[in-house]
Amino acid sequence: MPNAAFNVDRARADTPGCTEVLHFNNAGSALPPQPVLDAQIDHLNQEAHLGGYEAAAYAEDQLQHTYDAIAQLIGAEAKEIALVENATRAWDMAFYGMDLGPGDHILTSAASYASNYIAMLQVAERTGAKVEVVPSDTHGQIDLHALRNAIDDRTALIALTHVPTNGGLVNPAAQVGALAQEADVPYLLDACQSAGQLPLDVDEIGCTMLSATGRKYLRGPRGTGFLYVQRDWIERLTPPLLDLHAATLTSPTSYRIRSDAKRFETWEGYVAGKIALGVAVDYALDWGLDAIAERVQHLADELREMLRAQRGVTVYDVGTRQCGIVTFAIEGTDAHAIQQRLRTDGINVSVSPPSSTLLDAEARSLPKLVRASVHYYNTSAEIERFGATLNQRFPMRNG
């Protein structure tokens, strides 16, 4: 049962979009709460009236607070946090910063996000490293026994997607971390879909690096993301690009890279977004990540139950632990057609094509899937409306 103390009315009152749309696309980009919106607009107004550089100088304490808030969110130190444009850039700055070469093995899972896997293949082509996909177990998550057997002296990195873009799965990140630490192997966790949805503690997880975005379950602005790098590893990674923020020119022929995680940043950035990201993290921490996770899981379970009761609907979610991402297909109906028809009724969902998680899609023969992702401000009434709209719009599936 959901936490009865969770004040859904307050959450919806804080969220202007709740009066406009039924938003089941939180895994794409969640509706921001009013404080996040206000923070962005306030700083943009400051830029318009003071100038961009001047407004940034005025907001120095607010910018620093974002590092502190993210550190609190994931159990890290502020100097271990870099603010970047998105989760892909965060992941890339860590991954491409590794010194990989011939004979090195990169271990990953079948649920890897396509962007990450493409980067792995590119680096393998450039360096002679090898990408090895650890099989999934019968529940669809990374097979821990197979992972343990795959780790050897050639293993240079374990790269795991915590919550894949589809399938509802929550991979056992902490168990993977325990194996990585036991073998003294660096571990890069893609927390793009889990940050803001699930409690995250980098020490408990045991990851060396963690990447995330602001726009999804954290309810922050688009164009924001962050990277965590464990302090002992910061100077062991060489950023794939540098500027005068990440490094200092010490002579006409030499430079020095800074010693904190800001070495993975560039000087120019979306200042209003960075400030608002800190507000979004504060907002999530105020609700409590355990309470958020409990409510999101309850709503997702309710949505899955409703969909599974419909004839002609197949839910494709896997895992012993599942999250707020619910993926399904309707027999004989294209997923994009479903998305477009629902949009005309003020209902937002997204489509997850097989190419986004190709390894998993091929293994499970997945079609294009409708992805309905819930957040704590959604309601049972919205789930009922969602089901009623599907019945009205797609009656042929019952024929």
Protein backbone atom coordinates (compact mmCIF):
# COMPACT_ATOMS: atom_id res chain seq x y z
CA MET A 1 0.00 0.00 0.00
CA PRO A 2 1.21 3.55 -0.69
CA ASN A 3 2.32 5.83 2.08
CA ALA A 4 -0.92 7.36 3.38
CA ALA A 5 1.01 10.41 4.58
CA PHE A 6 2.10 11.34 1.05
CA ASN A 7 0.39 14.63 0.26
CA VAL A 8 -0.59 14.13 -3.36
CA ASP A 9 -2.82 17.21 -3.35
CA ARG A 10 0.18 19.35 -2.42
CA ALA A 11 2.32 17.70 -5.10
CA ARG A 12 -0.28 18.42 -7.76
CA ALA A 13 -0.89 21.97 -6.55
CA ASP A 14 2.85 22.58 -6.88
CA THR A 15 2.79 21.27 -10.46
CA PRO A 16 1.13 23.61 -12.98
CA GLY A 17 1.13 20.96 -15.70
CA CYS A 18 -1.23 18.73 -13.74
CA THR A 19 -4.12 21.02 -14.75
CA GLU A 20 -3.17 20.76 -18.43
CA VAL A 21 -2.23 17.16 -19.20
CA LEU A 22 -2.25 13.60 -17.91
CA HIS A 23 1.50 13.16 -17.91
CA PHE A 24 2.74 9.56 -18.13
CA ASN A 25 6.04 10.55 -19.77
CA ASN A 26 8.14 11.15 -16.67
CA ALA A 27 10.90 8.87 -17.92
CA GLY A 28 11.22 11.27 -20.86
CA SER A 29 10.88 14.61 -19.09
CA ALA A 30 8.80 15.08 -15.95
CA LEU A 31 6.58 18.05 -15.21
CA PRO A 32 8.59 20.55 -13.12
CA PRO A 33 7.21 21.86 -9.83
CA GLN A 34 6.61 25.58 -9.48
CA PRO A 35 9.75 26.25 -7.39
CA VAL A 36 11.95 24.84 -10.17
CA LEU A 37 10.14 26.91 -12.77
CA ASP A 38 10.46 30.02 -10.61
CA ALA A 39 14.18 29.49 -10.10
CA GLN A 40 14.80 29.30 -13.84
CA ILE A 41 12.68 32.32 -14.69
CA ASP A 42 14.12 34.40 -11.84
CA HIS A 43 17.65 33.87 -13.06
CA LEU A 44 16.74 34.50 -16.70
CA ASN A 45 15.23 37.79 -15.57
CA GLN A 46 18.46 38.57 -13.74
CA GLU A 47 20.40 37.88 -16.94
CA ALA A 48 18.09 40.15 -18.90
CA HIS A 49 18.46 43.02 -16.45
CA LEU A 50 22.06 42.62 -15.22
CA GLY A 51 23.85 40.73 -17.96
CA GLY A 52 24.72 37.05 -18.15
CA TYR A 53 28.15 37.15 -16.50
CA GLU A 54 26.98 39.57 -13.85
CA ALA A 55 23.92 37.47 -13.01
CA ALA A 56 26.11 34.37 -12.68
CA ALA A 57 28.43 36.18 -10.27
CA TYR A 58 25.42 37.30 -8.26
CA ALA A 59 24.18 33.68 -8.13
CA GLU A 60 27.49 32.12 -7.07
CA ASP A 61 26.10 30.81 -3.78
CA GLN A 62 23.07 29.30 -5.53
CA LEU A 63 25.32 27.55 -8.02
CA GLN A 64 27.49 26.13 -5.25
CA HIS A 65 24.36 24.94 -3.49
CA THR A 66 23.52 22.73 -6.47
CA TYR A 67 26.77 20.80 -5.98
CA ASP A 68 26.00 20.46 -2.27
CA ALA A 69 22.42 19.32 -2.90
CA ILE A 70 23.45 16.66 -5.42
CA ALA A 71 26.15 15.45 -3.05
CA GLN A 72 23.51 15.06 -0.35
CA LEU A 73 21.18 13.28 -2.79
CA ILE A 74 23.68 10.52 -3.59
CA GLY A 75 25.83 10.44 -0.45
CA ALA A 76 28.88 12.04 -2.04
CA GLU A 77 31.09 15.09 -1.53
CA ALA A 78 30.57 18.31 -3.50
CA LYS A 79 34.08 18.08 -4.98
CA GLU A 80 33.09 14.73 -6.52
CA ILE A 81 30.27 16.33 -8.56
CA ALA A 82 30.41 17.87 -12.03
CA LEU A 83 27.49 19.74 -13.60
CA VAL A 84 27.04 19.07 -17.31
CA GLU A 85 24.45 19.40 -20.06
CA ASN A 86 22.81 15.98 -19.82
CA ALA A 87 23.27 12.39 -18.72
CA THR A 88 24.89 11.34 -21.99
CA ARG A 89 27.58 14.00 -21.67
CA ALA A 90 28.09 12.99 -18.03
CA TRP A 91 28.48 9.32 -18.94
CA ASP A 92 30.75 10.14 -21.89
CA MET A 93 33.06 12.36 -19.84
CA ALA A 94 33.68 9.47 -17.47
CA PHE A 95 33.85 6.69 -20.04
CA TYR A 96 36.02 8.49 -22.59
CA GLY A 97 38.25 9.62 -19.72
CA MET A 98 39.39 6.05 -19.08
CA ASP A 99 42.69 4.77 -20.41
CA LEU A 100 41.54 1.67 -22.29
CA GLY A 101 43.70 -0.33 -24.64
CA PRO A 102 44.19 -3.66 -26.42
CA GLY A 103 43.16 -6.61 -24.28
CA ASP A 104 41.00 -4.58 -21.91
CA HIS A 105 37.46 -5.91 -21.41
CA ILE A 106 34.39 -3.72 -20.85
CA LEU A 107 31.61 -5.69 -19.18
CA THR A 108 28.05 -4.50 -19.69
CA SER A 109 24.51 -5.87 -19.69
CA ALA A 110 21.94 -6.61 -22.37
CA ALA A 111 19.83 -3.72 -21.07
CA SER A 112 22.47 -1.12 -21.88
CA TYR A 113 21.12 2.08 -23.37
CA ALA A 114 22.02 2.44 -27.05
CA SER A 115 24.01 5.67 -26.60
CA ASN A 116 26.27 4.01 -24.04
CA TYR A 117 26.72 0.87 -26.10
CA ILE A 118 27.59 2.88 -29.22
CA ALA A 119 30.32 4.65 -27.23
CA MET A 120 31.67 1.30 -26.03
CA LEU A 121 31.85 -0.02 -29.59
CA GLN A 122 33.56 3.15 -30.80
CA VAL A 123 36.22 2.96 -28.10
CA ALA A 124 36.70 -0.75 -28.77
CA GLU A 125 37.32 0.03 -32.45
CA ARG A 126 39.78 2.80 -31.60
CA THR A 127 41.74 1.06 -28.87
CA GLY A 128 41.47 -2.67 -29.39
CA ALA A 129 39.49 -3.12 -26.18
CA LYS A 130 36.67 -5.67 -26.19
CA VAL A 131 33.03 -5.21 -25.19
CA GLU A 132 31.55 -8.24 -23.47
CA VAL A 133 27.81 -8.45 -22.82
CA VAL A 134 26.98 -10.31 -19.63
CA PRO A 135 23.77 -12.32 -20.15
CA SER A 136 20.54 -11.61 -18.31
CA ASP A 137 19.05 -14.04 -15.82
CA THR A 138 15.57 -15.53 -16.05
CA HIS A 139 14.11 -12.35 -14.54
CA GLY A 140 15.69 -10.07 -17.15
CA GLN A 141 18.28 -8.43 -14.90
CA ILE A 142 22.04 -8.80 -15.24
CA ASP A 143 23.04 -12.32 -14.21
CA LEU A 144 25.24 -11.84 -11.15
CA HIS A 145 26.70 -15.35 -11.34
CA ALA A 146 27.64 -14.80 -14.99
CA LEU A 147 29.11 -11.41 -14.11
CA ARG A 148 31.28 -12.91 -11.39
CA ASN A 149 32.55 -15.52 -13.84
CA ALA A 150 33.22 -12.89 -16.51
CA ILE A 151 35.42 -10.73 -14.28
CA ASP A 152 39.12 -11.53 -14.67
CA ASP A 153 42.48 -9.78 -14.99
CA ARG A 154 41.45 -8.30 -18.34
CA THR A 155 38.36 -6.55 -16.94
CA ALA A 156 38.95 -2.80 -17.09
CA LEU A 157 35.40 -1.53 -16.52
CA ILE A 158 31.91 -2.61 -15.56
CA ALA A 159 29.27 -0.34 -17.14
CA LEU A 160 25.69 -0.88 -16.00
CA THR A 161 22.40 0.83 -16.79
CA HIS A 162 20.58 0.95 -13.45
CA VAL A 163 17.07 1.41 -14.86
CA PRO A 164 16.82 0.72 -18.60
CA THR A 165 14.82 3.00 -20.85
CA ASN A 166 12.08 0.37 -21.10
CA GLY A 167 10.93 -2.81 -19.39
CA GLY A 168 10.41 -1.51 -15.86
CA LEU A 169 13.57 -3.26 -14.69
CA VAL A 170 15.73 -2.15 -11.79
CA ASN A 171 19.11 -3.80 -12.15
CA PRO A 172 20.81 -4.96 -8.89
CA ALA A 173 23.27 -2.07 -8.81
CA ALA A 174 24.59 -2.67 -5.28
CA GLN A 175 25.23 -6.37 -5.90
CA VAL A 176 27.15 -5.44 -9.04
CA GLY A 177 29.07 -2.88 -6.99
CA ALA A 178 30.04 -5.52 -4.45
CA LEU A 179 31.48 -7.69 -7.23
CA ALA A 180 33.31 -4.71 -8.73
CA GLN A 181 34.86 -3.77 -5.40
CA GLU A 182 35.81 -7.36 -4.65
CA ALA A 183 37.71 -7.48 -7.95
CA ASP A 184 38.99 -3.88 -7.69
CA VAL A 185 37.39 -2.98 -11.03
CA PRO A 186 36.01 0.52 -11.76
CA TYR A 187 32.23 0.64 -12.07
CA LEU A 188 30.27 3.20 -14.10
CA LEU A 189 26.56 3.36 -13.29
CA ASP A 190 24.06 5.05 -15.61
CA ALA A 191 21.46 6.39 -13.16
CA CYS A 192 19.64 8.47 -15.76
CA GLN A 193 16.24 6.90 -14.99
CA SER A 194 16.79 6.15 -11.30
CA ALA A 195 17.97 9.53 -9.95
CA GLY A 196 14.93 11.11 -8.33
CA GLN A 197 12.90 7.92 -8.55
CA LEU A 198 14.90 5.66 -6.23
CA PRO A 199 17.19 6.32 -3.25
CA LEU A 200 20.83 6.40 -4.38
CA ASP A 201 23.89 6.17 -2.16
CA VAL A 202 27.16 5.81 -4.02
CA ASP A 203 28.88 4.17 -1.06
CA GLU A 204 26.13 1.58 -0.67
CA ILE A 205 26.04 0.99 -4.43
CA GLY A 206 29.81 0.80 -4.64
CA CYS A 207 30.09 2.63 -7.95
CA THR A 208 33.19 4.52 -9.01
CA MET A 209 31.27 6.84 -11.35
CA LEU A 210 27.59 7.72 -11.72
CA SER A 211 25.82 9.75 -14.41
CA ALA A 212 22.33 11.28 -14.29
CA THR A 213 20.04 13.87 -15.83
CA GLY A 214 17.93 16.64 -14.35
CA ARG A 215 14.88 16.45 -16.59
CA LYS A 216 13.50 13.02 -15.73
CA TYR A 217 12.52 11.85 -12.24
CA LEU A 218 14.36 14.71 -10.54
CA ARG A 219 11.87 17.08 -12.23
CA GLY A 220 14.61 19.54 -13.07
CA PRO A 221 15.21 21.52 -16.25
CA ARG A 222 16.13 20.10 -19.62
CA GLY A 223 19.75 20.75 -20.50
CA THR A 224 21.06 19.72 -17.08
CA GLY A 225 22.83 16.67 -15.77
CA PHE A 226 25.57 15.63 -13.40
CA LEU A 227 28.48 13.27 -13.03
CA TYR A 228 29.83 11.76 -9.83
CA VAL A 229 33.40 10.46 -9.72
CA GLN A 230 34.77 8.89 -6.55
CA ARG A 231 37.48 11.17 -5.19
CA ASP A 232 40.29 8.62 -5.54
CA TRP A 233 39.45 8.22 -9.22
CA ILE A 234 39.08 11.86 -10.26
CA GLU A 235 42.71 12.31 -11.21
CA ARG A 236 42.91 8.84 -12.74
CA LEU A 237 40.51 9.92 -15.49
CA THR A 238 41.65 12.27 -18.25
CA PRO A 239 38.74 14.33 -19.60
CA PRO A 240 38.27 13.83 -23.35
CA LEU A 241 38.14 17.61 -23.77
CA LEU A 242 39.50 20.51 -21.77
CA ASP A 243 39.02 24.25 -21.59
CA LEU A 244 40.13 27.08 -19.33
CA HIS A 245 37.60 26.01 -16.70
CA ALA A 246 38.76 22.39 -16.54
CA ALA A 247 42.44 23.26 -16.73
CA THR A 248 44.88 26.13 -16.27
CA LEU A 249 47.47 27.15 -18.85
CA THR A 250 50.68 27.25 -16.83
CA SER A 251 53.11 28.17 -19.63
CA PRO A 252 53.12 28.44 -23.42
CA THR A 253 53.73 24.68 -23.55
CA SER A 254 52.01 23.23 -20.49
CA TYR A 255 48.74 23.10 -18.58
CA ARG A 256 47.43 21.72 -15.30
CA ILE A 257 44.06 19.94 -15.00
CA ARG A 258 42.10 20.82 -11.88
CA SER A 259 41.94 18.17 -9.16
CA ASP A 260 38.20 18.09 -8.45
CA ALA A 261 35.33 16.78 -10.56
CA LYS A 262 34.89 20.15 -12.24
CA ARG A 263 37.65 18.94 -14.58
CA PHE A 264 34.78 17.21 -16.42
CA GLU A 265 32.91 20.49 -16.97
CA THR A 266 33.28 23.26 -19.52
CA TRP A 267 33.23 26.96 -18.71
CA GLU A 268 30.02 27.89 -20.53
CA GLY A 269 26.75 26.39 -19.33
CA TYR A 270 23.08 26.85 -18.65
CA VAL A 271 23.31 28.82 -15.42
CA ALA A 272 19.55 29.16 -14.86
CA GLY A 273 19.21 25.42 -15.35
CA LYS A 274 22.02 24.61 -12.95
CA ILE A 275 20.43 26.77 -10.25
CA ALA A 276 17.02 25.22 -10.86
CA LEU A 277 18.53 21.73 -10.76
CA GLY A 278 19.62 22.42 -7.19
CA VAL A 279 16.08 23.53 -6.37
CA ALA A 280 14.73 20.32 -7.94
CA VAL A 281 17.06 18.20 -5.82
CA ASP A 282 16.02 20.10 -2.69
CA TYR A 283 12.40 19.51 -3.63
CA ALA A 284 12.96 15.77 -4.02
CA LEU A 285 14.86 15.56 -0.74
CA ASP A 286 12.01 17.38 0.99
CA TRP A 287 9.59 14.66 -0.10
CA GLY A 288 12.07 11.92 0.74
CA LEU A 289 13.38 9.43 -1.79
CA ASP A 290 12.02 6.43 0.10
CA ALA A 291 8.53 7.94 0.07
CA ILE A 292 8.85 8.83 -3.61
CA ALA A 293 9.99 5.33 -4.53
CA GLU A 294 7.15 3.74 -2.57
CA ARG A 295 4.48 5.85 -4.22
CA VAL A 296 5.90 5.52 -7.73
CA GLN A 297 6.11 1.75 -7.42
CA HIS A 298 2.53 1.54 -6.13
CA LEU A 299 1.21 3.58 -9.06
CA ALA A 300 3.24 1.58 -11.57
CA ASP A 301 1.97 -1.72 -10.14
CA GLU A 302 -1.58 -0.39 -10.38
CA LEU A 303 -1.01 0.63 -14.00
CA ARG A 304 0.47 -2.75 -14.92
CA GLU A 305 -2.45 -4.56 -13.29
CA MET A 306 -4.93 -2.46 -15.25
CA LEU A 307 -3.15 -3.04 -18.55
CA ARG A 308 -2.76 -6.78 -18.03
CA ALA A 309 -6.51 -7.03 -17.52
CA GLN A 310 -7.13 -5.67 -21.05
CA ARG A 311 -7.50 -8.12 -23.93
CA GLY A 312 -5.02 -7.55 -26.71
CA VAL A 313 -2.56 -5.69 -24.46
CA THR A 314 0.84 -7.18 -23.62
CA VAL A 315 2.97 -5.72 -20.85
CA TYR A 316 6.68 -6.30 -21.49
CA ASP A 317 8.12 -5.44 -18.08
CA VAL A 318 10.70 -7.69 -16.42
CA GLY A 319 12.78 -7.88 -13.26
CA THR A 320 12.38 -9.03 -9.68
CA ARG A 321 12.20 -5.36 -8.80
CA GLN A 322 10.30 -2.98 -11.03
CA CYS A 323 9.96 0.79 -11.18
CA GLY A 324 7.76 3.55 -12.55
CA ILE A 325 8.39 2.72 -16.22
CA VAL A 326 5.62 0.58 -17.73
CA THR A 327 5.96 -0.66 -21.32
CA PHE A 328 3.26 -2.32 -23.38
CA ALA A 329 1.93 -2.94 -26.86
CA ILE A 330 -1.59 -3.27 -28.26
CA GLU A 331 -2.05 -6.07 -30.75
CA GLY A 332 -2.33 -4.81 -34.30
CA THR A 333 -1.70 -1.15 -33.42
CA ASP A 334 1.48 0.83 -34.04
CA ALA A 335 3.00 2.33 -30.90
CA HIS A 336 3.43 5.75 -32.52
CA ALA A 337 -0.24 5.73 -33.54
CA ILE A 338 -1.18 5.04 -29.92
CA GLN A 339 1.04 7.89 -28.73
CA GLN A 340 -0.44 10.36 -31.21
CA ARG A 341 -4.05 9.43 -30.47
CA LEU A 342 -3.51 9.68 -26.74
CA ARG A 343 -1.93 13.10 -27.20
CA THR A 344 -5.15 14.37 -28.77
CA ASP A 345 -6.84 13.42 -25.50
CA GLY A 346 -4.31 15.34 -23.41
CA ILE A 347 -2.39 12.21 -22.37
CA ASN A 348 1.41 12.06 -22.71
CA VAL A 349 3.30 8.83 -23.25
CA SER A 350 6.41 8.03 -25.28
CA VAL A 351 7.51 5.28 -27.65
CA SER A 352 10.48 3.03 -26.99
CA PRO A 353 11.79 1.57 -30.27
CA PRO A 354 13.85 -1.64 -30.34
CA SER A 355 16.91 0.40 -31.36
CA SER A 356 17.08 2.12 -27.96
CA THR A 357 17.96 -1.15 -26.24
CA LEU A 358 18.85 -3.31 -29.25
CA LEU A 359 20.51 -6.17 -27.38
CA ASP A 360 17.54 -6.69 -25.07
CA ALA A 361 15.03 -6.06 -27.87
CA GLU A 362 16.55 -8.73 -30.08
CA ALA A 363 16.83 -11.22 -27.23
CA ARG A 364 13.17 -10.74 -26.30
CA SER A 365 11.84 -10.04 -29.83
CA LEU A 366 10.42 -6.73 -28.68
CA PRO A 367 8.26 -4.59 -30.95
CA LYS A 368 8.04 -0.83 -30.65
CA LEU A 369 6.62 -0.27 -27.19
CA VAL A 370 4.42 2.37 -25.64
CA ARG A 371 6.15 3.67 -22.51
CA ALA A 372 3.89 5.02 -19.77
CA SER A 373 6.00 6.28 -16.87
CA VAL A 374 4.37 7.51 -13.67
CA HIS A 375 5.55 9.87 -10.96
CA TYR A 376 4.34 10.62 -7.45
CA TYR A 377 2.05 13.45 -8.57
CA ASN A 378 0.07 11.04 -10.76
CA THR A 379 -3.09 9.46 -9.34
CA SER A 380 -5.23 6.34 -9.46
CA ALA A 381 -7.91 8.44 -11.12
CA GLU A 382 -5.49 9.22 -13.94
CA ILE A 383 -4.75 5.51 -14.34
CA GLU A 384 -8.49 4.85 -14.60
CA ARG A 385 -8.81 7.60 -17.21
CA PHE A 386 -5.86 6.15 -19.10
CA GLY A 387 -7.48 2.74 -19.24
CA ALA A 388 -10.86 4.17 -20.25
CA THR A 389 -9.25 6.17 -23.05
CA LEU A 390 -7.43 3.10 -24.37
CA ASN A 391 -10.74 1.20 -24.37
CA GLN A 392 -12.45 4.02 -26.22
CA ARG A 393 -9.73 4.70 -28.76
CA PHE A 394 -8.69 1.12 -29.51
CA PRO A 395 -11.83 -1.05 -29.23
CA MET A 396 -10.76 -3.33 -32.11
CA ARG A 397 -8.29 -5.11 -29.86
CA ASN A 398 -11.19 -6.75 -28.05
CA GLY A 399 -12.72 -8.03 -31.25
